[in-house]
Amino acid sequence: MGRLVPAVTRALDILELFLEGDGTLSAPDITRKLRLPRTTVHELITTLAARSYLVPAPGRPGYYRLGVRTYQLGSRYAEQLDLAAEGQQVAREVAETCDETVHVAILEDLDVIYIAKVDSIHAVRMVSAAGRRLPAHCTAVGKMLLAALPADELELRIEEAGELDAMTHHSITDPEALRAALAVVRERGIAIEHRESNPDVNCVAAPVRDGTGRVVAALSISVPVIRWSEERETELAELAAKGASDLSVRLGHRGGHR
């Protein structure tokens, strides 16, 4: 494995500083933040500006902002992203940590579609498959995705759905009860499902965001009730949030997880 090139590392350190604050910095700001010699900073800024990675900030003499070249690189990266493939990789990492079944799902109308899945290593586990479609209101991933919808869009989907079908005796079938449950999900930032889609399984789910901050998927951990407890719920909620945050970062999101 080759060695790191100091000049390249410093140039990248400078570019990454522009991800903070209002996205504008002066040479003295960069010198202070990175504790580099002023001459080195000026040489690096001159080089980055010559290649359109930095440009002068309009109306702020001596300040710079990211240039069009960084946008072009980011756009190319976004074009190459595959939510299912990225989700499968993160789901595998989460499953290896908790030894339980992990899903990534997206919302379509009032259904969820599983686009990635990694099975638990335990003999007793949830049986499902990528590509499977389930009523969103019966699942943790679905409630997470419904809770992220704008209020008017959520109401339209509920009205168009009409009757909410039950998958188990614990499923929510009343629209008003669903609205109340989704309010709790928004408050917690985590969705919990207690035997609502499968009488023997509980689930916890967290939101996955893209580069714009929009919720585009949800990641869940499914556990047979025989391995569930309040302590386990807390542990898995944090793990699901961390996994969803990791997947969000892969999709270009810069925020942390709750």
C-alpha atoms as a PDB file:
ATOM      1  CA  MET A   1       0.000   0.000   0.000  1.00  0.00           C
ATOM      2  CA  GLY A   2       1.423   3.388  -1.042  1.00  0.00           C
ATOM      3  CA  ARG A   3       2.131   6.293   1.270  1.00  0.00           C
ATOM      4  CA  LEU A   4      -0.081   9.350   1.634  1.00  0.00           C
ATOM      5  CA  VAL A   5       1.022  12.422  -0.309  1.00  0.00           C
ATOM      6  CA  PRO A   6       1.134  15.404   2.114  1.00  0.00           C
ATOM      7  CA  ALA A   7       0.290  18.054  -0.493  1.00  0.00           C
ATOM      8  CA  VAL A   8      -2.767  16.153  -1.699  1.00  0.00           C
ATOM      9  CA  THR A   9      -3.903  15.535   1.886  1.00  0.00           C
ATOM     10  CA  ARG A  10      -3.642  19.251   2.669  1.00  0.00           C
ATOM     11  CA  ALA A  11      -5.546  20.208  -0.467  1.00  0.00           C
ATOM     12  CA  LEU A  12      -8.359  17.818   0.456  1.00  0.00           C
ATOM     13  CA  ASP A  13      -8.356  19.147   4.031  1.00  0.00           C
ATOM     14  CA  ILE A  14      -8.926  22.624   2.604  1.00  0.00           C
ATOM     15  CA  LEU A  15     -11.818  21.498   0.407  1.00  0.00           C
ATOM     16  CA  GLU A  16     -13.489  19.690   3.309  1.00  0.00           C
ATOM     17  CA  LEU A  17     -13.413  22.869   5.408  1.00  0.00           C
ATOM     18  CA  PHE A  18     -15.960  24.345   2.994  1.00  0.00           C
ATOM     19  CA  LEU A  19     -18.522  21.756   4.107  1.00  0.00           C
ATOM     20  CA  GLU A  20     -18.832  23.670   7.378  1.00  0.00           C
ATOM     21  CA  GLY A  21     -20.442  27.009   8.189  1.00  0.00           C
ATOM     22  CA  ASP A  22     -21.720  29.170   5.324  1.00  0.00           C
ATOM     23  CA  GLY A  23     -19.329  27.635   2.792  1.00  0.00           C
ATOM     24  CA  THR A  24     -17.028  30.643   2.451  1.00  0.00           C
ATOM     25  CA  LEU A  25     -13.504  30.981   3.854  1.00  0.00           C
ATOM     26  CA  SER A  26     -10.520  33.286   3.553  1.00  0.00           C
ATOM     27  CA  ALA A  27      -6.863  32.282   3.411  1.00  0.00           C
ATOM     28  CA  PRO A  28      -6.345  33.423   7.043  1.00  0.00           C
ATOM     29  CA  ASP A  29      -9.380  31.310   8.083  1.00  0.00           C
ATOM     30  CA  ILE A  30      -7.854  28.235   6.461  1.00  0.00           C
ATOM     31  CA  THR A  31      -4.422  28.951   7.926  1.00  0.00           C
ATOM     32  CA  ARG A  32      -5.895  29.196  11.405  1.00  0.00           C
ATOM     33  CA  LYS A  33      -8.137  26.137  11.149  1.00  0.00           C
ATOM     34  CA  LEU A  34      -5.514  23.812   9.663  1.00  0.00           C
ATOM     35  CA  ARG A  35      -2.478  25.367  11.363  1.00  0.00           C
ATOM     36  CA  LEU A  36      -0.544  25.403   8.123  1.00  0.00           C
ATOM     37  CA  PRO A  37       2.074  27.941   6.976  1.00  0.00           C
ATOM     38  CA  ARG A  38       0.544  30.924   5.176  1.00  0.00           C
ATOM     39  CA  THR A  39       2.709  30.352   2.111  1.00  0.00           C
ATOM     40  CA  THR A  40       1.539  26.745   1.832  1.00  0.00           C
ATOM     41  CA  VAL A  41      -2.125  27.778   2.136  1.00  0.00           C
ATOM     42  CA  HIS A  42      -1.786  30.455  -0.552  1.00  0.00           C
ATOM     43  CA  GLU A  43      -0.067  28.021  -2.930  1.00  0.00           C
ATOM     44  CA  LEU A  44      -2.765  25.395  -2.404  1.00  0.00           C
ATOM     45  CA  ILE A  45      -5.592  27.922  -2.820  1.00  0.00           C
ATOM     46  CA  THR A  46      -4.006  29.226  -6.022  1.00  0.00           C
ATOM     47  CA  THR A  47      -3.749  25.675  -7.386  1.00  0.00           C
ATOM     48  CA  LEU A  48      -7.327  24.748  -6.422  1.00  0.00           C
ATOM     49  CA  ALA A  49      -8.657  27.985  -7.914  1.00  0.00           C
ATOM     50  CA  ALA A  50      -6.742  27.420 -11.139  1.00  0.00           C
ATOM     51  CA  ARG A  51      -8.495  24.042 -11.477  1.00  0.00           C
ATOM     52  CA  SER A  52     -11.951  25.516 -10.611  1.00  0.00           C
ATOM     53  CA  TYR A  53     -12.242  23.661  -7.305  1.00  0.00           C
ATOM     54  CA  LEU A  54     -12.367  27.038  -5.554  1.00  0.00           C
ATOM     55  CA  VAL A  55     -13.664  30.394  -6.840  1.00  0.00           C
ATOM     56  CA  PRO A  56     -13.773  33.888  -5.296  1.00  0.00           C
ATOM     57  CA  ALA A  57     -16.921  34.460  -3.227  1.00  0.00           C
ATOM     58  CA  PRO A  58     -19.066  37.166  -4.905  1.00  0.00           C
ATOM     59  CA  GLY A  59     -19.058  40.434  -2.971  1.00  0.00           C
ATOM     60  CA  ARG A  60     -16.537  39.210  -0.404  1.00  0.00           C
ATOM     61  CA  PRO A  61     -13.000  40.145  -1.389  1.00  0.00           C
ATOM     62  CA  GLY A  62     -10.405  37.651  -0.152  1.00  0.00           C
ATOM     63  CA  TYR A  63     -12.966  34.907   0.442  1.00  0.00           C
ATOM     64  CA  TYR A  64     -13.516  31.718  -1.528  1.00  0.00           C
ATOM     65  CA  ARG A  65     -16.264  29.151  -2.044  1.00  0.00           C
ATOM     66  CA  LEU A  66     -16.391  25.760  -3.742  1.00  0.00           C
ATOM     67  CA  GLY A  67     -16.191  25.877  -7.509  1.00  0.00           C
ATOM     68  CA  VAL A  68     -18.047  24.098 -10.285  1.00  0.00           C
ATOM     69  CA  ARG A  69     -15.525  21.246 -10.432  1.00  0.00           C
ATOM     70  CA  THR A  70     -16.592  19.991  -6.999  1.00  0.00           C
ATOM     71  CA  TYR A  71     -20.233  20.047  -8.148  1.00  0.00           C
ATOM     72  CA  GLN A  72     -19.344  18.027 -11.246  1.00  0.00           C
ATOM     73  CA  LEU A  73     -17.562  15.399  -9.159  1.00  0.00           C
ATOM     74  CA  GLY A  74     -20.461  15.215  -6.693  1.00  0.00           C
ATOM     75  CA  SER A  75     -22.990  14.872  -9.505  1.00  0.00           C
ATOM     76  CA  ARG A  76     -21.044  12.037 -11.086  1.00  0.00           C
ATOM     77  CA  TYR A  77     -20.880  10.276  -7.710  1.00  0.00           C
ATOM     78  CA  ALA A  78     -24.653  10.683  -7.275  1.00  0.00           C
ATOM     79  CA  GLU A  79     -25.268   9.223 -10.741  1.00  0.00           C
ATOM     80  CA  GLN A  80     -23.384   6.078  -9.770  1.00  0.00           C
ATOM     81  CA  LEU A  81     -25.270   5.491  -6.532  1.00  0.00           C
ATOM     82  CA  ASP A  82     -27.481   2.430  -6.337  1.00  0.00           C
ATOM     83  CA  LEU A  83     -29.791   2.512  -3.310  1.00  0.00           C
ATOM     84  CA  ALA A  84     -30.383  -1.235  -3.386  1.00  0.00           C
ATOM     85  CA  ALA A  85     -26.692  -2.094  -3.652  1.00  0.00           C
ATOM     86  CA  GLU A  86     -25.645   0.422  -1.009  1.00  0.00           C
ATOM     87  CA  GLY A  87     -28.518  -0.713   1.210  1.00  0.00           C
ATOM     88  CA  GLN A  88     -27.514  -4.362   0.886  1.00  0.00           C
ATOM     89  CA  GLN A  89     -23.970  -3.586   1.989  1.00  0.00           C
ATOM     90  CA  VAL A  90     -25.047  -1.541   5.014  1.00  0.00           C
ATOM     91  CA  ALA A  91     -27.701  -4.119   5.917  1.00  0.00           C
ATOM     92  CA  ARG A  92     -24.997  -6.777   5.926  1.00  0.00           C
ATOM     93  CA  GLU A  93     -22.840  -4.689   8.284  1.00  0.00           C
ATOM     94  CA  VAL A  94     -25.759  -4.120  10.660  1.00  0.00           C
ATOM     95  CA  ALA A  95     -26.748  -7.802  10.583  1.00  0.00           C
ATOM     96  CA  GLU A  96     -23.194  -8.835  11.413  1.00  0.00           C
ATOM     97  CA  THR A  97     -23.366  -6.606  14.488  1.00  0.00           C
ATOM     98  CA  CYS A  98     -26.726  -7.761  15.869  1.00  0.00           C
ATOM     99  CA  ASP A  99     -27.163 -11.249  14.315  1.00  0.00           C
ATOM    100  CA  GLU A 100     -30.751 -10.378  13.376  1.00  0.00           C
ATOM    101  CA  THR A 101     -32.614  -9.885  10.090  1.00  0.00           C
ATOM    102  CA  VAL A 102     -32.116  -6.450   8.516  1.00  0.00           C
ATOM    103  CA  HIS A 103     -34.200  -4.870   5.736  1.00  0.00           C
ATOM    104  CA  VAL A 104     -34.056  -1.702   3.659  1.00  0.00           C
ATOM    105  CA  ALA A 105     -37.383  -0.647   2.157  1.00  0.00           C
ATOM    106  CA  ILE A 106     -38.923   2.120   0.065  1.00  0.00           C
ATOM    107  CA  LEU A 107     -42.484   3.468  -0.030  1.00  0.00           C
ATOM    108  CA  GLU A 108     -44.896   3.066  -2.937  1.00  0.00           C
ATOM    109  CA  ASP A 109     -48.395   4.436  -2.351  1.00  0.00           C
ATOM    110  CA  LEU A 110     -49.349   2.844   1.012  1.00  0.00           C
ATOM    111  CA  ASP A 111     -47.099  -0.192   0.600  1.00  0.00           C
ATOM    112  CA  VAL A 112     -43.440  -0.802   1.355  1.00  0.00           C
ATOM    113  CA  ILE A 113     -41.165  -2.736  -0.978  1.00  0.00           C
ATOM    114  CA  TYR A 114     -38.089  -4.422   0.468  1.00  0.00           C
ATOM    115  CA  ILE A 115     -35.107  -3.639  -1.747  1.00  0.00           C
ATOM    116  CA  ALA A 116     -32.383  -5.205   0.424  1.00  0.00           C
ATOM    117  CA  LYS A 117     -32.339  -7.952   3.045  1.00  0.00           C
ATOM    118  CA  VAL A 118     -29.806  -9.863   5.113  1.00  0.00           C
ATOM    119  CA  ASP A 119     -30.967 -12.859   7.150  1.00  0.00           C
ATOM    120  CA  SER A 120     -30.323 -13.557  10.799  1.00  0.00           C
ATOM    121  CA  ILE A 121     -27.913 -16.371  11.571  1.00  0.00           C
ATOM    122  CA  HIS A 122     -30.342 -17.795  14.158  1.00  0.00           C
ATOM    123  CA  ALA A 123     -32.497 -20.820  13.405  1.00  0.00           C
ATOM    124  CA  VAL A 124     -35.558 -18.901  14.637  1.00  0.00           C
ATOM    125  CA  ARG A 125     -35.802 -15.814  12.440  1.00  0.00           C
ATOM    126  CA  MET A 126     -38.090 -13.727  10.267  1.00  0.00           C
ATOM    127  CA  VAL A 127     -38.793 -15.227   6.834  1.00  0.00           C
ATOM    128  CA  SER A 128     -39.009 -12.644   4.033  1.00  0.00           C
ATOM    129  CA  ALA A 129     -37.408 -11.693   0.725  1.00  0.00           C
ATOM    130  CA  ALA A 130     -36.177  -8.667  -1.191  1.00  0.00           C
ATOM    131  CA  GLY A 131     -38.915  -7.508  -3.554  1.00  0.00           C
ATOM    132  CA  ARG A 132     -41.698  -8.401  -1.127  1.00  0.00           C
ATOM    133  CA  ARG A 133     -44.510  -5.836  -0.752  1.00  0.00           C
ATOM    134  CA  LEU A 134     -46.378  -5.238   2.539  1.00  0.00           C
ATOM    135  CA  PRO A 135     -48.904  -2.662   3.806  1.00  0.00           C
ATOM    136  CA  ALA A 136     -46.881   0.254   5.149  1.00  0.00           C
ATOM    137  CA  HIS A 137     -49.115   0.815   8.173  1.00  0.00           C
ATOM    138  CA  CYS A 138     -48.353  -2.706   9.440  1.00  0.00           C
ATOM    139  CA  THR A 139     -44.562  -2.394   9.422  1.00  0.00           C
ATOM    140  CA  ALA A 140     -41.903  -0.386  11.223  1.00  0.00           C
ATOM    141  CA  VAL A 141     -40.250   0.652   7.946  1.00  0.00           C
ATOM    142  CA  GLY A 142     -43.626   1.659   6.557  1.00  0.00           C
ATOM    143  CA  LYS A 143     -44.579   3.769   9.542  1.00  0.00           C
ATOM    144  CA  MET A 144     -41.166   5.431   9.394  1.00  0.00           C
ATOM    145  CA  LEU A 145     -41.679   6.292   5.721  1.00  0.00           C
ATOM    146  CA  LEU A 146     -45.277   7.427   6.169  1.00  0.00           C
ATOM    147  CA  ALA A 147     -44.264   9.657   9.079  1.00  0.00           C
ATOM    148  CA  ALA A 148     -41.745  11.407   6.830  1.00  0.00           C
ATOM    149  CA  LEU A 149     -44.367  12.421   4.256  1.00  0.00           C
ATOM    150  CA  PRO A 150     -45.688  15.998   4.115  1.00  0.00           C
ATOM    151  CA  ALA A 151     -48.987  16.209   6.012  1.00  0.00           C
ATOM    152  CA  ASP A 152     -51.129  16.877   2.926  1.00  0.00           C
ATOM    153  CA  GLU A 153     -49.570  14.009   0.986  1.00  0.00           C
ATOM    154  CA  LEU A 154     -50.050  11.628   3.917  1.00  0.00           C
ATOM    155  CA  GLU A 155     -53.718  12.568   4.223  1.00  0.00           C
ATOM    156  CA  LEU A 156     -54.260  12.064   0.496  1.00  0.00           C
ATOM    157  CA  ARG A 157     -52.726   8.587   0.629  1.00  0.00           C
ATOM    158  CA  ILE A 158     -54.787   7.596   3.668  1.00  0.00           C
ATOM    159  CA  GLU A 159     -57.999   8.840   2.034  1.00  0.00           C
ATOM    160  CA  GLU A 160     -57.261   7.050  -1.241  1.00  0.00           C
ATOM    161  CA  ALA A 161     -56.425   3.813   0.597  1.00  0.00           C
ATOM    162  CA  GLY A 162     -59.817   3.634   2.253  1.00  0.00           C
ATOM    163  CA  GLU A 163     -59.888   0.643   4.615  1.00  0.00           C
ATOM    164  CA  LEU A 164     -56.619  -0.298   6.349  1.00  0.00           C
ATOM    165  CA  ASP A 165     -56.283  -4.076   6.192  1.00  0.00           C
ATOM    166  CA  ALA A 166     -54.908  -6.038   9.149  1.00  0.00           C
ATOM    167  CA  MET A 167     -52.101  -8.581   8.912  1.00  0.00           C
ATOM    168  CA  THR A 168     -52.374  -9.654  12.567  1.00  0.00           C
ATOM    169  CA  HIS A 169     -54.614  -8.878  15.544  1.00  0.00           C
ATOM    170  CA  HIS A 170     -52.092  -6.165  16.501  1.00  0.00           C
ATOM    171  CA  SER A 171     -52.239  -4.290  13.178  1.00  0.00           C
ATOM    172  CA  ILE A 172     -53.496  -0.703  13.095  1.00  0.00           C
ATOM    173  CA  THR A 173     -56.721  -0.509  11.075  1.00  0.00           C
ATOM    174  CA  ASP A 174     -58.132   2.842  12.223  1.00  0.00           C
ATOM    175  CA  PRO A 175     -56.846   5.910  10.304  1.00  0.00           C
ATOM    176  CA  GLU A 176     -56.968   8.066  13.418  1.00  0.00           C
ATOM    177  CA  ALA A 177     -54.912   5.529  15.365  1.00  0.00           C
ATOM    178  CA  LEU A 178     -52.426   5.479  12.483  1.00  0.00           C
ATOM    179  CA  ARG A 179     -52.115   9.264  12.560  1.00  0.00           C
ATOM    180  CA  ALA A 180     -51.435   9.123  16.312  1.00  0.00           C
ATOM    181  CA  ALA A 181     -48.827   6.392  15.847  1.00  0.00           C
ATOM    182  CA  LEU A 182     -47.079   8.378  13.123  1.00  0.00           C
ATOM    183  CA  ALA A 183     -46.950  11.441  15.382  1.00  0.00           C
ATOM    184  CA  VAL A 184     -45.038   9.337  17.927  1.00  0.00           C
ATOM    185  CA  VAL A 185     -42.669   8.144  15.193  1.00  0.00           C
ATOM    186  CA  ARG A 186     -41.934  11.745  14.169  1.00  0.00           C
ATOM    187  CA  GLU A 187     -41.234  12.673  17.768  1.00  0.00           C
ATOM    188  CA  ARG A 188     -38.900   9.739  18.412  1.00  0.00           C
ATOM    189  CA  GLY A 189     -37.252   9.580  14.994  1.00  0.00           C
ATOM    190  CA  ILE A 190     -37.614   5.805  15.285  1.00  0.00           C
ATOM    191  CA  ALA A 191     -40.502   3.463  14.434  1.00  0.00           C
ATOM    192  CA  ILE A 192     -41.370   0.390  16.468  1.00  0.00           C
ATOM    193  CA  GLU A 193     -43.595  -2.484  15.390  1.00  0.00           C
ATOM    194  CA  HIS A 194     -44.914  -5.014  17.888  1.00  0.00           C
ATOM    195  CA  ARG A 195     -46.270  -8.084  16.046  1.00  0.00           C
ATOM    196  CA  GLU A 196     -48.220  -5.942  13.554  1.00  0.00           C
ATOM    197  CA  SER A 197     -47.100  -7.704  10.358  1.00  0.00           C
ATOM    198  CA  ASN A 198     -46.074 -11.029  11.877  1.00  0.00           C
ATOM    199  CA  PRO A 199     -47.497 -12.367  15.174  1.00  0.00           C
ATOM    200  CA  ASP A 200     -44.062 -13.652  16.208  1.00  0.00           C
ATOM    201  CA  VAL A 201     -41.854 -10.702  15.247  1.00  0.00           C
ATOM    202  CA  ASN A 202     -41.074  -7.197  16.515  1.00  0.00           C
ATOM    203  CA  CYS A 203     -39.211  -4.598  14.453  1.00  0.00           C
ATOM    204  CA  VAL A 204     -37.468  -1.257  14.821  1.00  0.00           C
ATOM    205  CA  ALA A 205     -36.772   1.116  11.902  1.00  0.00           C
ATOM    206  CA  ALA A 206     -34.937   4.368  11.203  1.00  0.00           C
ATOM    207  CA  PRO A 207     -35.035   6.825   8.256  1.00  0.00           C
ATOM    208  CA  VAL A 208     -32.561   6.887   5.382  1.00  0.00           C
ATOM    209  CA  ARG A 209     -31.992  10.297   3.740  1.00  0.00           C
ATOM    210  CA  ASP A 210     -30.433  11.328   0.439  1.00  0.00           C
ATOM    211  CA  GLY A 211     -28.165  14.274  -0.275  1.00  0.00           C
ATOM    212  CA  THR A 212     -31.083  16.723  -0.129  1.00  0.00           C
ATOM    213  CA  GLY A 213     -32.147  15.517   3.312  1.00  0.00           C
ATOM    214  CA  ARG A 214     -35.288  13.831   1.958  1.00  0.00           C
ATOM    215  CA  VAL A 215     -36.266  10.466   3.474  1.00  0.00           C
ATOM    216  CA  VAL A 216     -35.967   7.980   0.605  1.00  0.00           C
ATOM    217  CA  ALA A 217     -35.932   4.656   2.472  1.00  0.00           C
ATOM    218  CA  ALA A 218     -35.935   3.092   5.916  1.00  0.00           C
ATOM    219  CA  LEU A 219     -33.729   0.474   7.534  1.00  0.00           C
ATOM    220  CA  SER A 220     -35.208  -2.022   9.969  1.00  0.00           C
ATOM    221  CA  ILE A 221     -34.092  -4.795  12.296  1.00  0.00           C
ATOM    222  CA  SER A 222     -36.565  -7.653  12.807  1.00  0.00           C
ATOM    223  CA  VAL A 223     -36.422  -9.850  15.887  1.00  0.00           C
ATOM    224  CA  PRO A 224     -38.543 -12.808  17.046  1.00  0.00           C
ATOM    225  CA  VAL A 225     -40.449 -11.914  20.212  1.00  0.00           C
ATOM    226  CA  ILE A 226     -38.583 -14.643  22.100  1.00  0.00           C
ATOM    227  CA  ARG A 227     -35.407 -12.542  21.767  1.00  0.00           C
ATOM    228  CA  TRP A 228     -37.068  -9.169  22.423  1.00  0.00           C
ATOM    229  CA  SER A 229     -36.935  -7.077  25.583  1.00  0.00           C
ATOM    230  CA  GLU A 230     -37.051  -3.387  26.490  1.00  0.00           C
ATOM    231  CA  GLU A 231     -33.287  -3.373  26.792  1.00  0.00           C
ATOM    232  CA  ARG A 232     -32.924  -5.096  23.420  1.00  0.00           C
ATOM    233  CA  GLU A 233     -35.350  -2.604  21.857  1.00  0.00           C
ATOM    234  CA  THR A 234     -33.219   0.327  23.017  1.00  0.00           C
ATOM    235  CA  GLU A 235     -30.055  -1.337  21.755  1.00  0.00           C
ATOM    236  CA  LEU A 236     -31.532  -2.163  18.353  1.00  0.00           C
ATOM    237  CA  ALA A 237     -33.081   1.287  17.955  1.00  0.00           C
ATOM    238  CA  GLU A 238     -29.635   2.840  18.310  1.00  0.00           C
ATOM    239  CA  LEU A 239     -28.131   0.293  15.934  1.00  0.00           C
ATOM    240  CA  ALA A 240     -30.870   0.864  13.326  1.00  0.00           C
ATOM    241  CA  ALA A 241     -30.360   4.626  13.597  1.00  0.00           C
ATOM    242  CA  LYS A 242     -26.614   4.191  13.147  1.00  0.00           C
ATOM    243  CA  GLY A 243     -27.101   1.894  10.144  1.00  0.00           C
ATOM    244  CA  ALA A 244     -29.617   4.266   8.552  1.00  0.00           C
ATOM    245  CA  SER A 245     -27.209   7.159   9.151  1.00  0.00           C
ATOM    246  CA  ASP A 246     -24.348   5.234   7.525  1.00  0.00           C
ATOM    247  CA  LEU A 247     -26.517   4.495   4.491  1.00  0.00           C
ATOM    248  CA  SER A 248     -27.601   8.146   4.360  1.00  0.00           C
ATOM    249  CA  VAL A 249     -23.962   9.230   4.272  1.00  0.00           C
ATOM    250  CA  ARG A 250     -23.361   6.864   1.357  1.00  0.00           C
ATOM    251  CA  LEU A 251     -26.242   8.619  -0.428  1.00  0.00           C
ATOM    252  CA  GLY A 252     -24.690  12.040   0.141  1.00  0.00           C
ATOM    253  CA  HIS A 253     -26.449  13.132   3.337  1.00  0.00           C
ATOM    254  CA  ARG A 254     -24.312  15.159   5.750  1.00  0.00           C
ATOM    255  CA  GLY A 255     -26.448  15.027   8.905  1.00  0.00           C
ATOM    256  CA  GLY A 256     -26.010  12.691  11.892  1.00  0.00           C
ATOM    257  CA  HIS A 257     -28.499  10.235  13.393  1.00  0.00           C
ATOM    258  CA  ARG A 258     -30.765  10.833  16.366  1.00  0.00           C
END
